[in-house]
């Protein structure tokens, strides 16, 4: 597996629920891309917001991928989590080179309050059908226990990760992001 090229899709939550932690998460994700991408690997970057947005199309240029990541700005709008997940999975299926490992890394709380077309079951079906490993990092930490929406969002990401061979992480502190990215790498 270490020699097989990777097709990585990074989904980055820009909605209001992660507004306070946005910049730190963005910088940690940029460090992750620098650390894990090899010359034959490719990456695309999506923002999870009111609607699915491709922030950076498939590229093998790490600097271009990081530029796409860093140009995203946080919003205080809703979250179309499942619509973005299905959209990104479809894009990955269309653009990935044959014989590559498909990996999706999501930095989000998993809360969905704006998907018009898809639900958890649709996202799970698409990720599995396209043989994609799903990794989730929920930067909300212990605060997910404060409400049912947060708990449900994280549970959905745990289901996606478990069903695809990935892992869903729930760090207690933002400083744990770098070690988590290293583990995913």
Foldseek 3Di string as FASTA:
>chain_A
DLPFAEEEEEEEEQEQVCQVVRVLLLVLVLVLLVPPQDQRYWYWYWYWFLAIDGQGAIDSDSVSRSVSSVVDHHDHHFGQLQRNLLVVLVSCLVPPDPRHAYEYEYEELQQHDRHDPDDLVSSLVSCVVSLYAYEYEYAPAPCLVVDPRSVVRQVSSQVSNVSRVHHYHRDNHSVCSNVVSVVVD
